[in-house]
């Protein structure tokens, strides 16, 4: 993706090196990092890893490496692109787009949705309308998910921005209350559709980013590879050798790539 000399977003909050000092709660007990990863790989919902309890904050030494700086600059440019494109699209519909904030953190972070961990991957909190990401996830995409490339990371950012778009359009308020009205397996069906729509919105952003000449050869395939790699079936097969469809929360690899590509087209 072409980023050199491009505008960076001013809506980036750098909390790297800070520790929220809390413990992630799930089912009434704390989980270690390994437990969190296994929970996610086995189909757990990342939002369930957010603990609304109080936590104390502290400062930890943080030294930014050259790769960290390059990644921070890159995601800032991607965020700026989403701001420009979604502002235009909302304006065409007579609506006003409100820019989200992207929070860079390391390890753990306190949000309006509760306490979050890098083990849960990048996430969006509608309570404060902020995206949260530990940049180490870029290495995880390359190694654990076998989805290298800068546009794989751009897809991840665009997906979380897609959740922000859902919040602004009132879609989140329609879907999330259903959690209290039905069984977990039934709600998961709506949650999958909700996540696939965010993939679709990521594809819409990529379509207009390409139209502005920002994409390079191979970028689209990097995003498709990433979408496939984070499919529920792909993750569950790798973790335990079989899948449990009723536990899906984000959609299969085929579904995620289909809806991203449909948005792109």
Protein backbone atom coordinates (compact mmCIF):
# COMPACT_ATOMS: atom_id res chain seq x y z
CA UNK A 1 0.00 0.00 0.00
CA UNK A 2 1.33 3.43 -0.91
CA UNK A 3 1.80 5.51 2.22
CA UNK A 4 4.89 7.64 1.71
CA UNK A 5 4.20 11.35 2.10
CA UNK A 6 0.52 10.74 2.83
CA UNK A 7 -1.63 12.34 5.52
CA UNK A 8 -1.63 10.74 8.96
CA UNK A 9 -4.66 10.86 11.19
CA UNK A 10 -4.61 13.16 14.19
CA UNK A 11 -7.05 10.81 15.94
CA UNK A 12 -4.44 8.42 17.31
CA UNK A 13 -3.97 8.04 21.05
CA UNK A 14 -0.67 6.47 22.08
CA UNK A 15 -0.87 4.50 25.34
CA UNK A 16 2.02 2.17 24.63
CA UNK A 17 3.98 1.34 27.73
CA UNK A 18 1.10 1.92 30.10
CA UNK A 19 -0.29 -0.93 32.18
CA UNK A 20 -3.90 -1.00 33.33
CA UNK A 21 -2.96 -3.48 36.05
CA UNK A 22 -6.23 -5.43 36.02
CA UNK A 23 -7.15 -9.05 35.40
CA UNK A 24 -9.37 -10.19 32.58
CA UNK A 25 -12.44 -11.90 33.91
CA UNK A 26 -14.32 -14.67 32.18
CA UNK A 27 -17.01 -16.64 33.91
CA UNK A 28 -16.05 -15.17 37.27
CA UNK A 29 -12.35 -16.08 37.17
CA UNK A 30 -9.10 -14.74 35.80
CA UNK A 31 -7.48 -16.20 32.68
CA UNK A 32 -3.82 -16.31 31.80
CA UNK A 33 -2.67 -15.25 28.33
CA UNK A 34 -2.53 -18.86 27.13
CA UNK A 35 -6.07 -19.41 28.38
CA UNK A 36 -7.27 -16.31 26.57
CA UNK A 37 -5.70 -17.41 23.29
CA UNK A 38 -7.25 -20.88 23.58
CA UNK A 39 -10.63 -19.32 24.38
CA UNK A 40 -10.48 -17.24 21.22
CA UNK A 41 -9.20 -20.06 19.04
CA UNK A 42 -12.06 -22.26 20.19
CA UNK A 43 -14.65 -19.74 19.05
CA UNK A 44 -14.95 -17.44 22.05
CA UNK A 45 -16.31 -13.93 21.61
CA UNK A 46 -13.64 -11.24 22.19
CA UNK A 47 -16.22 -8.96 23.81
CA UNK A 48 -16.61 -11.53 26.57
CA UNK A 49 -13.02 -10.83 27.57
CA UNK A 50 -13.83 -7.28 28.59
CA UNK A 51 -14.14 -6.84 32.34
CA UNK A 52 -16.13 -3.88 33.62
CA UNK A 53 -14.33 -3.92 36.96
CA UNK A 54 -12.03 -1.15 38.09
CA UNK A 55 -8.28 -1.39 37.59
CA UNK A 56 -5.28 0.66 38.55
CA UNK A 57 -2.95 2.27 36.06
CA UNK A 58 0.82 2.43 36.02
CA UNK A 59 3.56 3.54 33.67
CA UNK A 60 5.99 1.01 32.21
CA UNK A 61 9.18 1.85 30.27
CA UNK A 62 8.53 1.69 26.55
CA UNK A 63 11.14 2.03 23.84
CA UNK A 64 9.79 2.39 20.32
CA UNK A 65 11.69 0.36 17.74
CA UNK A 66 12.03 1.41 14.13
CA UNK A 67 9.48 -1.26 13.13
CA UNK A 68 7.09 0.02 15.79
CA UNK A 69 7.40 3.54 14.41
CA UNK A 70 6.81 2.36 10.83
CA UNK A 71 3.74 0.39 11.89
CA UNK A 72 2.36 3.28 13.94
CA UNK A 73 2.80 5.60 10.96
CA UNK A 74 1.19 3.03 8.66
CA UNK A 75 -1.95 2.49 10.73
CA UNK A 76 -2.25 6.26 11.14
CA UNK A 77 -2.28 6.67 7.35
CA UNK A 78 -4.84 3.85 7.00
CA UNK A 79 -7.04 5.50 9.63
CA UNK A 80 -6.77 8.81 7.76
CA UNK A 81 -7.92 7.04 4.58
CA UNK A 82 -10.96 5.62 6.36
CA UNK A 83 -11.77 9.10 7.68
CA UNK A 84 -11.67 10.64 4.20
CA UNK A 85 -13.57 7.85 2.45
CA UNK A 86 -16.32 7.34 5.02
CA UNK A 87 -16.79 11.11 5.39
CA UNK A 88 -17.44 11.30 1.64
CA UNK A 89 -19.77 8.29 1.63
CA UNK A 90 -21.79 9.55 4.59
CA UNK A 91 -22.05 13.02 3.02
CA UNK A 92 -23.46 11.48 -0.16
CA UNK A 93 -26.27 10.01 1.97
CA UNK A 94 -26.93 13.28 3.79
CA UNK A 95 -25.23 12.01 6.95
CA UNK A 96 -22.29 13.23 9.01
CA UNK A 97 -19.40 10.89 9.74
CA UNK A 98 -17.74 11.16 13.13
CA UNK A 99 -14.10 10.07 13.23
CA UNK A 100 -13.21 7.35 15.73
CA UNK A 101 -10.00 7.37 17.76
CA UNK A 102 -7.40 4.64 17.34
CA UNK A 103 -5.63 3.70 20.58
CA UNK A 104 -2.18 2.11 20.39
CA UNK A 105 -1.34 0.10 23.51
CA UNK A 106 0.86 -2.72 24.71
CA UNK A 107 -0.40 -5.77 26.55
CA UNK A 108 -3.45 -4.51 28.40
CA UNK A 109 -5.77 -1.54 28.19
CA UNK A 110 -8.75 -0.01 29.98
CA UNK A 111 -11.71 0.96 27.78
CA UNK A 112 -15.27 2.19 28.21
CA UNK A 113 -16.30 -1.40 27.43
CA UNK A 114 -14.10 -2.81 30.18
CA UNK A 115 -10.60 -4.17 30.47
CA UNK A 116 -9.04 -5.53 27.27
CA UNK A 117 -5.98 -7.57 26.38
CA UNK A 118 -3.78 -7.79 23.30
CA UNK A 119 -4.47 -11.55 23.36
CA UNK A 120 -7.98 -10.76 22.13
CA UNK A 121 -6.59 -9.04 19.04
CA UNK A 122 -7.68 -5.62 17.73
CA UNK A 123 -11.17 -4.58 18.81
CA UNK A 124 -13.63 -1.69 18.72
CA UNK A 125 -15.48 -0.30 21.74
CA UNK A 126 -18.78 1.45 20.92
CA UNK A 127 -18.86 2.90 24.44
CA UNK A 128 -16.02 5.31 23.72
CA UNK A 129 -16.01 4.92 19.91
CA UNK A 130 -12.36 3.92 19.88
CA UNK A 131 -10.38 1.22 18.08
CA UNK A 132 -7.75 -0.58 20.16
CA UNK A 133 -4.71 -2.34 18.77
CA UNK A 134 -1.41 -3.69 20.02
CA UNK A 135 0.95 -3.44 17.05
CA UNK A 136 2.46 -6.82 17.91
CA UNK A 137 -0.64 -8.21 16.20
CA UNK A 138 1.11 -7.48 12.90
CA UNK A 139 3.72 -10.13 13.73
CA UNK A 140 0.95 -12.50 14.82
CA UNK A 141 -0.75 -12.06 11.44
CA UNK A 142 2.46 -13.04 9.69
CA UNK A 143 3.46 -15.96 11.91
CA UNK A 144 0.38 -17.48 13.54
CA UNK A 145 -2.17 -16.65 10.84
CA UNK A 146 0.20 -16.89 7.84
CA UNK A 147 -1.18 -13.61 6.49
CA UNK A 148 1.79 -11.34 5.78
CA UNK A 149 1.76 -7.94 4.12
CA UNK A 150 0.88 -4.40 5.11
CA UNK A 151 -2.55 -4.57 3.50
CA UNK A 152 -3.45 -7.53 5.70
CA UNK A 153 -3.04 -5.12 8.60
CA UNK A 154 -4.97 -2.44 6.70
CA UNK A 155 -7.87 -4.91 6.35
CA UNK A 156 -7.87 -5.45 10.12
CA UNK A 157 -8.04 -1.70 10.79
CA UNK A 158 -10.77 -1.25 8.15
CA UNK A 159 -12.81 -4.08 9.71
CA UNK A 160 -12.75 -2.40 13.12
CA UNK A 161 -13.67 0.91 11.51
CA UNK A 162 -16.55 -1.02 9.95
CA UNK A 163 -17.84 -1.63 13.47
CA UNK A 164 -17.67 2.13 14.06
CA UNK A 165 -19.76 2.66 10.92
CA UNK A 166 -22.29 0.18 12.33
CA UNK A 167 -22.42 2.19 15.55
CA UNK A 168 -23.00 5.47 13.71
CA UNK A 169 -25.76 3.92 11.59
CA UNK A 170 -27.52 2.47 14.64
CA UNK A 171 -26.92 -1.14 13.60
CA UNK A 172 -25.00 -1.99 16.78
CA UNK A 173 -27.95 -0.82 18.89
CA UNK A 174 -30.24 -3.14 16.93
CA UNK A 175 -28.05 -6.22 17.22
CA UNK A 176 -26.42 -6.21 20.65
CA UNK A 177 -29.61 -6.14 22.78
CA UNK A 178 -30.57 -9.46 21.18
CA UNK A 179 -27.93 -11.11 23.38
CA UNK A 180 -30.33 -10.84 26.33
CA UNK A 181 -33.30 -12.22 24.42
CA UNK A 182 -32.07 -15.53 23.02
CA UNK A 183 -29.72 -18.42 23.58
CA UNK A 184 -26.01 -18.03 22.91
CA UNK A 185 -26.14 -20.23 19.82
CA UNK A 186 -29.04 -18.23 18.38
CA UNK A 187 -27.39 -14.89 19.13
CA UNK A 188 -24.18 -16.12 17.50
CA UNK A 189 -26.03 -16.29 14.19
CA UNK A 190 -26.71 -12.56 14.41
CA UNK A 191 -23.18 -11.90 15.64
CA UNK A 192 -21.76 -13.66 12.58
CA UNK A 193 -23.87 -11.47 10.29
CA UNK A 194 -22.75 -8.42 12.25
CA UNK A 195 -19.07 -9.32 11.77
CA UNK A 196 -19.54 -10.16 8.09
CA UNK A 197 -21.10 -6.75 7.53
CA UNK A 198 -17.96 -5.19 9.04
CA UNK A 199 -15.94 -7.25 6.52
CA UNK A 200 -18.20 -5.88 3.78
CA UNK A 201 -17.58 -2.32 4.97
CA UNK A 202 -13.83 -3.04 4.97
CA UNK A 203 -14.18 -4.09 1.34
CA UNK A 204 -16.08 -0.90 0.51
CA UNK A 205 -13.22 1.13 1.99
CA UNK A 206 -10.66 -0.89 -0.02
CA UNK A 207 -12.66 -0.25 -3.21
CA UNK A 208 -12.42 3.51 -2.81
CA UNK A 209 -8.80 3.33 -1.60
CA UNK A 210 -7.96 1.55 -4.84
CA UNK A 211 -9.85 4.22 -6.79
CA UNK A 212 -7.60 6.84 -5.22
CA UNK A 213 -4.52 4.95 -6.38
CA UNK A 214 -3.37 3.83 -2.95
CA UNK A 215 -3.26 0.06 -3.55
CA UNK A 216 -0.27 -1.77 -4.99
CA UNK A 217 -0.06 -5.11 -6.77
CA UNK A 218 -0.80 -7.94 -4.36
CA UNK A 219 -2.53 -5.78 -1.75
CA UNK A 220 -6.01 -7.16 -2.40
CA UNK A 221 -4.77 -10.74 -2.11
CA UNK A 222 -3.10 -9.90 1.22
CA UNK A 223 -6.45 -8.74 2.60
CA UNK A 224 -8.26 -11.81 1.25
CA UNK A 225 -5.64 -14.09 2.79
CA UNK A 226 -6.07 -12.35 6.14
CA UNK A 227 -9.87 -12.57 5.98
CA UNK A 228 -9.62 -16.29 5.26
CA UNK A 229 -7.04 -16.86 7.99
CA UNK A 230 -9.29 -15.41 10.70
CA UNK A 231 -12.37 -17.40 9.69
CA UNK A 232 -13.91 -19.32 12.59
CA UNK A 233 -13.55 -22.66 10.81
CA UNK A 234 -9.91 -22.04 9.92
CA UNK A 235 -9.04 -21.13 13.50
CA UNK A 236 -10.96 -24.00 15.07
CA UNK A 237 -9.52 -26.59 12.69
CA UNK A 238 -6.02 -25.41 13.50
CA UNK A 239 -6.72 -25.42 17.24
CA UNK A 240 -8.49 -28.76 17.67
CA UNK A 241 -8.88 -30.42 14.29
CA UNK A 242 -12.66 -29.96 13.93
CA UNK A 243 -15.26 -27.19 13.94
CA UNK A 244 -18.33 -26.38 16.00
CA UNK A 245 -20.52 -24.16 13.76
CA UNK A 246 -22.89 -23.12 16.55
CA UNK A 247 -19.95 -21.49 18.34
CA UNK A 248 -18.98 -19.36 15.32
CA UNK A 249 -18.98 -15.63 16.06
CA UNK A 250 -17.26 -14.12 13.01
CA UNK A 251 -18.06 -16.38 10.05
CA UNK A 252 -16.19 -18.98 8.05
CA UNK A 253 -13.16 -18.25 5.91
CA UNK A 254 -15.34 -18.50 2.80
CA UNK A 255 -17.95 -16.13 4.23
CA UNK A 256 -15.41 -13.55 5.37
CA UNK A 257 -13.60 -13.46 2.03
CA UNK A 258 -16.91 -13.40 0.12
CA UNK A 259 -18.27 -10.37 1.96
CA UNK A 260 -14.98 -8.49 1.85
CA UNK A 261 -14.75 -9.08 -1.88
CA UNK A 262 -18.41 -8.13 -2.38
CA UNK A 263 -17.78 -4.84 -0.61
CA UNK A 264 -14.69 -4.30 -2.75
CA UNK A 265 -16.72 -4.86 -5.93
